[in-house]
Amino acid sequence: MLMMVIGLATLEKIEEQLEKTGKISALKGYLVNLKRSRNQAAHTHTKGTLTTYDAPSKTKYNFDRIYALLTELDAELQRHNC
């Protein structure tokens, strides 16, 4: 989605900058885990089974990590005047 807004070349520069510290990979990993947890909770149709959920503290921790990485991504976007 960002590529359509800021262009492929700019997005690649931003990703390259953030990948030097592994932050893009970390963000993708956190988002994949969040999506997996969400899908597991949303698509459970089996009666008689127990569903487990992450503790609120773990969920908050994950959201805090995602927020920090999104803030850094935003700073890079601002640096590139996007």
PDB file of N, CA and C in Angstrom:
ATOM      1  N   MET A   1       0.821  -1.174   0.000  1.00  0.00           N
ATOM      2  CA  MET A   1       0.000   0.000   0.000  1.00  0.00           C
ATOM      3  C   MET A   1       0.880   1.258   0.000  1.00  0.00           C
ATOM      4  N   LEU A   2       1.939   1.231   0.773  1.00  0.00           N
ATOM      5  CA  LEU A   2       2.851   2.382   0.787  1.00  0.00           C
ATOM      6  C   LEU A   2       3.462   2.625  -0.578  1.00  0.00           C
ATOM      7  N   MET A   3       3.705   1.547  -1.300  1.00  0.00           N
ATOM      8  CA  MET A   3       4.339   1.680  -2.606  1.00  0.00           C
ATOM      9  C   MET A   3       3.478   2.525  -3.543  1.00  0.00           C
ATOM     10  N   MET A   4       2.175   2.374  -3.470  1.00  0.00           N
ATOM     11  CA  MET A   4       1.297   3.148  -4.343  1.00  0.00           C
ATOM     12  C   MET A   4       1.280   4.624  -3.951  1.00  0.00           C
ATOM     13  N   VAL A   5       1.519   4.913  -2.691  1.00  0.00           N
ATOM     14  CA  VAL A   5       1.468   6.290  -2.211  1.00  0.00           C
ATOM     15  C   VAL A   5       2.799   7.018  -2.415  1.00  0.00           C
ATOM     16  N   ILE A   6       3.904   6.364  -2.051  1.00  0.00           N
ATOM     17  CA  ILE A   6       5.202   7.051  -2.082  1.00  0.00           C
ATOM     18  C   ILE A   6       6.103   6.615  -3.230  1.00  0.00           C
ATOM     19  N   GLY A   7       5.749   5.552  -3.916  1.00  0.00           N
ATOM     20  CA  GLY A   7       6.550   5.068  -5.032  1.00  0.00           C
ATOM     21  C   GLY A   7       7.509   3.970  -4.603  1.00  0.00           C
ATOM     22  N   LEU A   8       7.803   3.106  -5.538  1.00  0.00           N
ATOM     23  CA  LEU A   8       8.656   1.945  -5.266  1.00  0.00           C
ATOM     24  C   LEU A   8      10.070   2.344  -4.864  1.00  0.00           C
ATOM     25  N   ALA A   9      10.655   3.291  -5.564  1.00  0.00           N
ATOM     26  CA  ALA A   9      12.046   3.677  -5.284  1.00  0.00           C
ATOM     27  C   ALA A   9      12.195   4.223  -3.864  1.00  0.00           C
ATOM     28  N   THR A  10      11.279   5.088  -3.458  1.00  0.00           N
ATOM     29  CA  THR A  10      11.349   5.658  -2.109  1.00  0.00           C
ATOM     30  C   THR A  10      11.124   4.587  -1.055  1.00  0.00           C
ATOM     31  N   LEU A  11      10.166   3.705  -1.309  1.00  0.00           N
ATOM     32  CA  LEU A  11       9.898   2.626  -0.354  1.00  0.00           C
ATOM     33  C   LEU A  11      11.115   1.726  -0.196  1.00  0.00           C
ATOM     34  N   GLU A  12      11.781   1.421  -1.293  1.00  0.00           N
ATOM     35  CA  GLU A  12      12.981   0.583  -1.216  1.00  0.00           C
ATOM     36  C   GLU A  12      14.092   1.263  -0.429  1.00  0.00           C
ATOM     37  N   LYS A  13      14.243   2.569  -0.573  1.00  0.00           N
ATOM     38  CA  LYS A  13      15.250   3.297   0.198  1.00  0.00           C
ATOM     39  C   LYS A  13      14.938   3.228   1.688  1.00  0.00           C
ATOM     40  N   ILE A  14      13.666   3.410   2.029  1.00  0.00           N
ATOM     41  CA  ILE A  14      13.258   3.383   3.434  1.00  0.00           C
ATOM     42  C   ILE A  14      13.451   1.985   4.007  1.00  0.00           C
ATOM     43  N   GLU A  15      13.036   0.970   3.264  1.00  0.00           N
ATOM     44  CA  GLU A  15      13.211  -0.406   3.732  1.00  0.00           C
ATOM     45  C   GLU A  15      14.687  -0.743   3.901  1.00  0.00           C
ATOM     46  N   GLU A  16      15.504  -0.297   2.974  1.00  0.00           N
ATOM     47  CA  GLU A  16      16.943  -0.553   3.056  1.00  0.00           C
ATOM     48  C   GLU A  16      17.536   0.080   4.315  1.00  0.00           C
ATOM     49  N   GLN A  17      17.115   1.299   4.596  1.00  0.00           N
ATOM     50  CA  GLN A  17      17.612   2.003   5.784  1.00  0.00           C
ATOM     51  C   GLN A  17      17.208   1.274   7.066  1.00  0.00           C
ATOM     52  N   LEU A  18      15.955   0.847   7.135  1.00  0.00           N
ATOM     53  CA  LEU A  18      15.470   0.178   8.348  1.00  0.00           C
ATOM     54  C   LEU A  18      15.951  -1.268   8.444  1.00  0.00           C
ATOM     55  N   GLU A  19      16.268  -1.880   7.316  1.00  0.00           N
ATOM     56  CA  GLU A  19      16.726  -3.258   7.340  1.00  0.00           C
ATOM     57  C   GLU A  19      18.160  -3.377   7.853  1.00  0.00           C
ATOM     58  N   LYS A  20      18.909  -2.285   7.803  1.00  0.00           N
ATOM     59  CA  LYS A  20      20.282  -2.317   8.324  1.00  0.00           C
ATOM     60  C   LYS A  20      20.299  -2.741   9.789  1.00  0.00           C
ATOM     61  N   THR A  21      19.249  -2.414  10.512  1.00  0.00           N
ATOM     62  CA  THR A  21      19.161  -2.792  11.927  1.00  0.00           C
ATOM     63  C   THR A  21      18.174  -3.933  12.145  1.00  0.00           C
ATOM     64  N   GLY A  22      17.607  -4.478  11.064  1.00  0.00           N
ATOM     65  CA  GLY A  22      16.679  -5.595  11.172  1.00  0.00           C
ATOM     66  C   GLY A  22      15.275  -5.201  11.600  1.00  0.00           C
ATOM     67  N   LYS A  23      14.966  -3.929  11.550  1.00  0.00           N
ATOM     68  CA  LYS A  23      13.677  -3.467  12.064  1.00  0.00           C
ATOM     69  C   LYS A  23      12.506  -3.829  11.161  1.00  0.00           C
ATOM     70  N   ILE A  24      12.713  -3.843   9.852  1.00  0.00           N
ATOM     71  CA  ILE A  24      11.629  -4.234   8.945  1.00  0.00           C
ATOM     72  C   ILE A  24      11.298  -5.710   9.157  1.00  0.00           C
ATOM     73  N   SER A  25      12.309  -6.540   9.289  1.00  0.00           N
ATOM     74  CA  SER A  25      12.079  -7.966   9.531  1.00  0.00           C
ATOM     75  C   SER A  25      11.350  -8.180  10.850  1.00  0.00           C
ATOM     76  N   ALA A  26      11.749  -7.439  11.869  1.00  0.00           N
ATOM     77  CA  ALA A  26      11.086  -7.556  13.167  1.00  0.00           C
ATOM     78  C   ALA A  26       9.627  -7.134  13.063  1.00  0.00           C
ATOM     79  N   LEU A  27       9.365  -6.028  12.382  1.00  0.00           N
ATOM     80  CA  LEU A  27       7.986  -5.552  12.228  1.00  0.00           C
ATOM     81  C   LEU A  27       7.146  -6.576  11.487  1.00  0.00           C
ATOM     82  N   LYS A  28       7.680  -7.124  10.399  1.00  0.00           N
ATOM     83  CA  LYS A  28       6.946  -8.149   9.649  1.00  0.00           C
ATOM     84  C   LYS A  28       6.668  -9.366  10.528  1.00  0.00           C
ATOM     85  N   GLY A  29       7.639  -9.775  11.312  1.00  0.00           N
ATOM     86  CA  GLY A  29       7.451 -10.920  12.208  1.00  0.00           C
ATOM     87  C   GLY A  29       6.365 -10.672  13.248  1.00  0.00           C
ATOM     88  N   TYR A  30       6.390  -9.506  13.878  1.00  0.00           N
ATOM     89  CA  TYR A  30       5.360  -9.173  14.867  1.00  0.00           C
ATOM     90  C   TYR A  30       3.973  -9.129  14.229  1.00  0.00           C
ATOM     91  N   LEU A  31       3.888  -8.559  13.027  1.00  0.00           N
ATOM     92  CA  LEU A  31       2.589  -8.466  12.365  1.00  0.00           C
ATOM     93  C   LEU A  31       2.069  -9.836  11.935  1.00  0.00           C
ATOM     94  N   VAL A  32       2.961 -10.708  11.485  1.00  0.00           N
ATOM     95  CA  VAL A  32       2.552 -12.069  11.124  1.00  0.00           C
ATOM     96  C   VAL A  32       2.029 -12.802  12.361  1.00  0.00           C
ATOM     97  N   ASN A  33       2.713 -12.668  13.486  1.00  0.00           N
ATOM     98  CA  ASN A  33       2.258 -13.315  14.719  1.00  0.00           C
ATOM     99  C   ASN A  33       0.914 -12.763  15.174  1.00  0.00           C
ATOM    100  N   LEU A  34       0.741 -11.460  15.068  1.00  0.00           N
ATOM    101  CA  LEU A  34      -0.521 -10.834  15.449  1.00  0.00           C
ATOM    102  C   LEU A  34      -1.651 -11.332  14.549  1.00  0.00           C
ATOM    103  N   LYS A  35      -1.385 -11.422  13.259  1.00  0.00           N
ATOM    104  CA  LYS A  35      -2.398 -11.914  12.316  1.00  0.00           C
ATOM    105  C   LYS A  35      -2.749 -13.367  12.608  1.00  0.00           C
ATOM    106  N   ARG A  36      -1.751 -14.175  12.905  1.00  0.00           N
ATOM    107  CA  ARG A  36      -1.988 -15.591  13.213  1.00  0.00           C
ATOM    108  C   ARG A  36      -2.866 -15.731  14.457  1.00  0.00           C
ATOM    109  N   SER A  37      -2.566 -14.962  15.493  1.00  0.00           N
ATOM    110  CA  SER A  37      -3.369 -15.011  16.720  1.00  0.00           C
ATOM    111  C   SER A  37      -4.793 -14.557  16.462  1.00  0.00           C
ATOM    112  N   ARG A  38      -4.924 -13.493  15.681  1.00  0.00           N
ATOM    113  CA  ARG A  38      -6.257 -12.973  15.355  1.00  0.00           C
ATOM    114  C   ARG A  38      -7.065 -13.996  14.570  1.00  0.00           C
ATOM    115  N   ASN A  39      -6.436 -14.593  13.554  1.00  0.00           N
ATOM    116  CA  ASN A  39      -7.150 -15.569  12.737  1.00  0.00           C
ATOM    117  C   ASN A  39      -7.549 -16.799  13.542  1.00  0.00           C
ATOM    118  N   GLN A  40      -6.680 -17.226  14.432  1.00  0.00           N
ATOM    119  CA  GLN A  40      -6.990 -18.386  15.255  1.00  0.00           C
ATOM    120  C   GLN A  40      -8.194 -18.097  16.150  1.00  0.00           C
ATOM    121  N   ALA A  41      -8.272 -16.913  16.693  1.00  0.00           N
ATOM    122  CA  ALA A  41      -9.398 -16.545  17.554  1.00  0.00           C
ATOM    123  C   ALA A  41     -10.680 -16.336  16.752  1.00  0.00           C
ATOM    124  N   ALA A  42     -10.554 -15.795  15.564  1.00  0.00           N
ATOM    125  CA  ALA A  42     -11.733 -15.445  14.764  1.00  0.00           C
ATOM    126  C   ALA A  42     -12.323 -16.631  14.014  1.00  0.00           C
ATOM    127  N   HIS A  43     -11.527 -17.639  13.731  1.00  0.00           N
ATOM    128  CA  HIS A  43     -11.989 -18.730  12.881  1.00  0.00           C
ATOM    129  C   HIS A  43     -12.040 -20.062  13.615  1.00  0.00           C
ATOM    130  N   THR A  44     -12.463 -20.031  14.856  1.00  0.00           N
ATOM    131  CA  THR A  44     -12.603 -21.250  15.638  1.00  0.00           C
ATOM    132  C   THR A  44     -14.068 -21.636  15.643  1.00  0.00           C
ATOM    133  N   HIS A  45     -14.371 -22.778  15.029  1.00  0.00           N
ATOM    134  CA  HIS A  45     -15.763 -23.213  14.910  1.00  0.00           C
ATOM    135  C   HIS A  45     -16.008 -24.570  15.566  1.00  0.00           C
ATOM    136  N   THR A  46     -15.021 -25.128  16.204  1.00  0.00           N
ATOM    137  CA  THR A  46     -15.147 -26.448  16.790  1.00  0.00           C
ATOM    138  C   THR A  46     -15.713 -26.344  18.197  1.00  0.00           C
ATOM    139  N   LYS A  47     -16.869 -26.939  18.397  1.00  0.00           N
ATOM    140  CA  LYS A  47     -17.471 -26.920  19.725  1.00  0.00           C
ATOM    141  C   LYS A  47     -16.757 -27.917  20.626  1.00  0.00           C
ATOM    142  N   GLY A  48     -16.724 -27.600  21.906  1.00  0.00           N
ATOM    143  CA  GLY A  48     -16.129 -28.499  22.882  1.00  0.00           C
ATOM    144  C   GLY A  48     -14.621 -28.392  22.992  1.00  0.00           C
ATOM    145  N   THR A  49     -14.011 -27.438  22.325  1.00  0.00           N
ATOM    146  CA  THR A  49     -12.566 -27.256  22.443  1.00  0.00           C
ATOM    147  C   THR A  49     -12.288 -25.955  23.177  1.00  0.00           C
ATOM    148  N   LEU A  50     -11.183 -25.939  23.862  1.00  0.00           N
ATOM    149  CA  LEU A  50     -10.784 -24.738  24.589  1.00  0.00           C
ATOM    150  C   LEU A  50      -9.820 -23.928  23.735  1.00  0.00           C
ATOM    151  N   THR A  51     -10.087 -22.658  23.660  1.00  0.00           N
ATOM    152  CA  THR A  51      -9.202 -21.760  22.936  1.00  0.00           C
ATOM    153  C   THR A  51      -8.365 -20.994  23.942  1.00  0.00           C
ATOM    154  N   THR A  52      -7.079 -20.901  23.683  1.00  0.00           N
ATOM    155  CA  THR A  52      -6.208 -20.148  24.576  1.00  0.00           C
ATOM    156  C   THR A  52      -5.843 -18.827  23.916  1.00  0.00           C
ATOM    157  N   TYR A  53      -5.666 -17.836  24.734  1.00  0.00           N
ATOM    158  CA  TYR A  53      -5.300 -16.508  24.267  1.00  0.00           C
ATOM    159  C   TYR A  53      -4.077 -16.037  25.039  1.00  0.00           C
ATOM    160  N   ASP A  54      -3.325 -15.153  24.406  1.00  0.00           N
ATOM    161  CA  ASP A  54      -2.178 -14.566  25.089  1.00  0.00           C
ATOM    162  C   ASP A  54      -2.654 -13.740  26.277  1.00  0.00           C
ATOM    163  N   ALA A  55      -1.818 -13.661  27.276  1.00  0.00           N
ATOM    164  CA  ALA A  55      -2.123 -12.820  28.438  1.00  0.00           C
ATOM    165  C   ALA A  55      -2.163 -11.358  27.997  1.00  0.00           C
ATOM    166  N   PRO A  56      -2.972 -10.545  28.646  1.00  0.00           N
ATOM    167  CA  PRO A  56      -3.025  -9.124  28.290  1.00  0.00           C
ATOM    168  C   PRO A  56      -1.655  -8.447  28.324  1.00  0.00           C
ATOM    169  N   SER A  57      -0.815  -8.847  29.266  1.00  0.00           N
ATOM    170  CA  SER A  57       0.516  -8.235  29.356  1.00  0.00           C
ATOM    171  C   SER A  57       1.353  -8.555  28.119  1.00  0.00           C
ATOM    172  N   LYS A  58       1.236  -9.775  27.607  1.00  0.00           N
ATOM    173  CA  LYS A  58       1.976 -10.145  26.397  1.00  0.00           C
ATOM    174  C   LYS A  58       1.430  -9.400  25.184  1.00  0.00           C
ATOM    175  N   THR A  59       0.125  -9.282  25.096  1.00  0.00           N
ATOM    176  CA  THR A  59      -0.491  -8.551  23.994  1.00  0.00           C
ATOM    177  C   THR A  59      -0.066  -7.089  24.015  1.00  0.00           C
ATOM    178  N   LYS A  60      -0.065  -6.481  25.191  1.00  0.00           N
ATOM    179  CA  LYS A  60       0.360  -5.085  25.311  1.00  0.00           C
ATOM    180  C   LYS A  60       1.826  -4.939  24.914  1.00  0.00           C
ATOM    181  N   TYR A  61       2.655  -5.869  25.363  1.00  0.00           N
ATOM    182  CA  TYR A  61       4.073  -5.850  25.009  1.00  0.00           C
ATOM    183  C   TYR A  61       4.245  -5.906  23.486  1.00  0.00           C
ATOM    184  N   ASN A  62       3.507  -6.811  22.830  1.00  0.00           N
ATOM    185  CA  ASN A  62       3.603  -6.925  21.377  1.00  0.00           C
ATOM    186  C   ASN A  62       3.133  -5.652  20.685  1.00  0.00           C
ATOM    187  N   PHE A  63       2.036  -5.071  21.159  1.00  0.00           N
ATOM    188  CA  PHE A  63       1.552  -3.820  20.581  1.00  0.00           C
ATOM    189  C   PHE A  63       2.560  -2.692  20.783  1.00  0.00           C
ATOM    190  N   ASP A  64       3.188  -2.649  21.938  1.00  0.00           N
ATOM    191  CA  ASP A  64       4.207  -1.626  22.192  1.00  0.00           C
ATOM    192  C   ASP A  64       5.379  -1.774  21.229  1.00  0.00           C
ATOM    193  N   ARG A  65       5.801  -3.000  20.980  1.00  0.00           N
ATOM    194  CA  ARG A  65       6.901  -3.237  20.037  1.00  0.00           C
ATOM    195  C   ARG A  65       6.515  -2.815  18.623  1.00  0.00           C
ATOM    196  N   ILE A  66       5.298  -3.188  18.212  1.00  0.00           N
ATOM    197  CA  ILE A  66       4.815  -2.803  16.882  1.00  0.00           C
ATOM    198  C   ILE A  66       4.735  -1.283  16.775  1.00  0.00           C
ATOM    199  N   TYR A  67       4.214  -0.643  17.811  1.00  0.00           N
ATOM    200  CA  TYR A  67       4.085   0.823  17.797  1.00  0.00           C
ATOM    201  C   TYR A  67       5.451   1.491  17.658  1.00  0.00           C
ATOM    202  N   ALA A  68       6.429   0.993  18.392  1.00  0.00           N
ATOM    203  CA  ALA A  68       7.778   1.574  18.323  1.00  0.00           C
ATOM    204  C   ALA A  68       8.350   1.451  16.912  1.00  0.00           C
ATOM    205  N   LEU A  69       8.153   0.309  16.289  1.00  0.00           N
ATOM    206  CA  LEU A  69       8.667   0.114  14.934  1.00  0.00           C
ATOM    207  C   LEU A  69       7.898   0.954  13.921  1.00  0.00           C
ATOM    208  N   LEU A  70       6.591   1.091  14.097  1.00  0.00           N
ATOM    209  CA  LEU A  70       5.814   1.942  13.201  1.00  0.00           C
ATOM    210  C   LEU A  70       6.209   3.406  13.363  1.00  0.00           C
ATOM    211  N   THR A  71       6.563   3.802  14.581  1.00  0.00           N
ATOM    212  CA  THR A  71       7.027   5.169  14.817  1.00  0.00           C
ATOM    213  C   THR A  71       8.331   5.419  14.072  1.00  0.00           C
ATOM    214  N   GLU A  72       9.222   4.445  14.073  1.00  0.00           N
ATOM    215  CA  GLU A  72      10.483   4.586  13.330  1.00  0.00           C
ATOM    216  C   GLU A  72      10.234   4.618  11.824  1.00  0.00           C
ATOM    217  N   LEU A  73       9.293   3.818  11.363  1.00  0.00           N
ATOM    218  CA  LEU A  73       8.927   3.841   9.953  1.00  0.00           C
ATOM    219  C   LEU A  73       8.363   5.213   9.584  1.00  0.00           C
ATOM    220  N   ASP A  74       7.522   5.761  10.439  1.00  0.00           N
ATOM    221  CA  ASP A  74       6.967   7.096  10.210  1.00  0.00           C
ATOM    222  C   ASP A  74       8.067   8.150  10.160  1.00  0.00           C
ATOM    223  N   ALA A  75       9.040   8.043  11.042  1.00  0.00           N
ATOM    224  CA  ALA A  75      10.153   9.004  11.043  1.00  0.00           C
ATOM    225  C   ALA A  75      10.924   8.939   9.726  1.00  0.00           C
ATOM    226  N   GLU A  76      11.129   7.730   9.204  1.00  0.00           N
ATOM    227  CA  GLU A  76      11.808   7.597   7.909  1.00  0.00           C
ATOM    228  C   GLU A  76      10.956   8.196   6.794  1.00  0.00           C
ATOM    229  N   LEU A  77       9.655   7.981   6.855  1.00  0.00           N
ATOM    230  CA  LEU A  77       8.763   8.578   5.852  1.00  0.00           C
ATOM    231  C   LEU A  77       8.850  10.094   5.890  1.00  0.00           C
ATOM    232  N   GLN A  78       8.868  10.659   7.101  1.00  0.00           N
ATOM    233  CA  GLN A  78       8.974  12.102   7.239  1.00  0.00           C
ATOM    234  C   GLN A  78      10.320  12.612   6.718  1.00  0.00           C
ATOM    235  N   ARG A  79      11.360  11.846   6.970  1.00  0.00           N
ATOM    236  CA  ARG A  79      12.699  12.221   6.497  1.00  0.00           C
ATOM    237  C   ARG A  79      12.764  12.267   4.970  1.00  0.00           C
ATOM    238  N   HIS A  80      11.959  11.425   4.334  1.00  0.00           N
ATOM    239  CA  HIS A  80      11.917  11.392   2.871  1.00  0.00           C
ATOM    240  C   HIS A  80      10.804  12.277   2.315  1.00  0.00           C
ATOM    241  N   ASN A  81      10.219  13.113   3.180  1.00  0.00           N
ATOM    242  CA  ASN A  81       9.147  14.025   2.786  1.00  0.00           C
ATOM    243  C   ASN A  81       7.956  13.317   2.167  1.00  0.00           C
ATOM    244  N   CYS A  82       7.572  12.210   2.768  1.00  0.00           N
ATOM    245  CA  CYS A  82       6.421  11.445   2.252  1.00  0.00           C
ATOM    246  C   CYS A  82       5.174  11.736   3.072  1.00  0.00           C
TER     247      CYS A  82
END
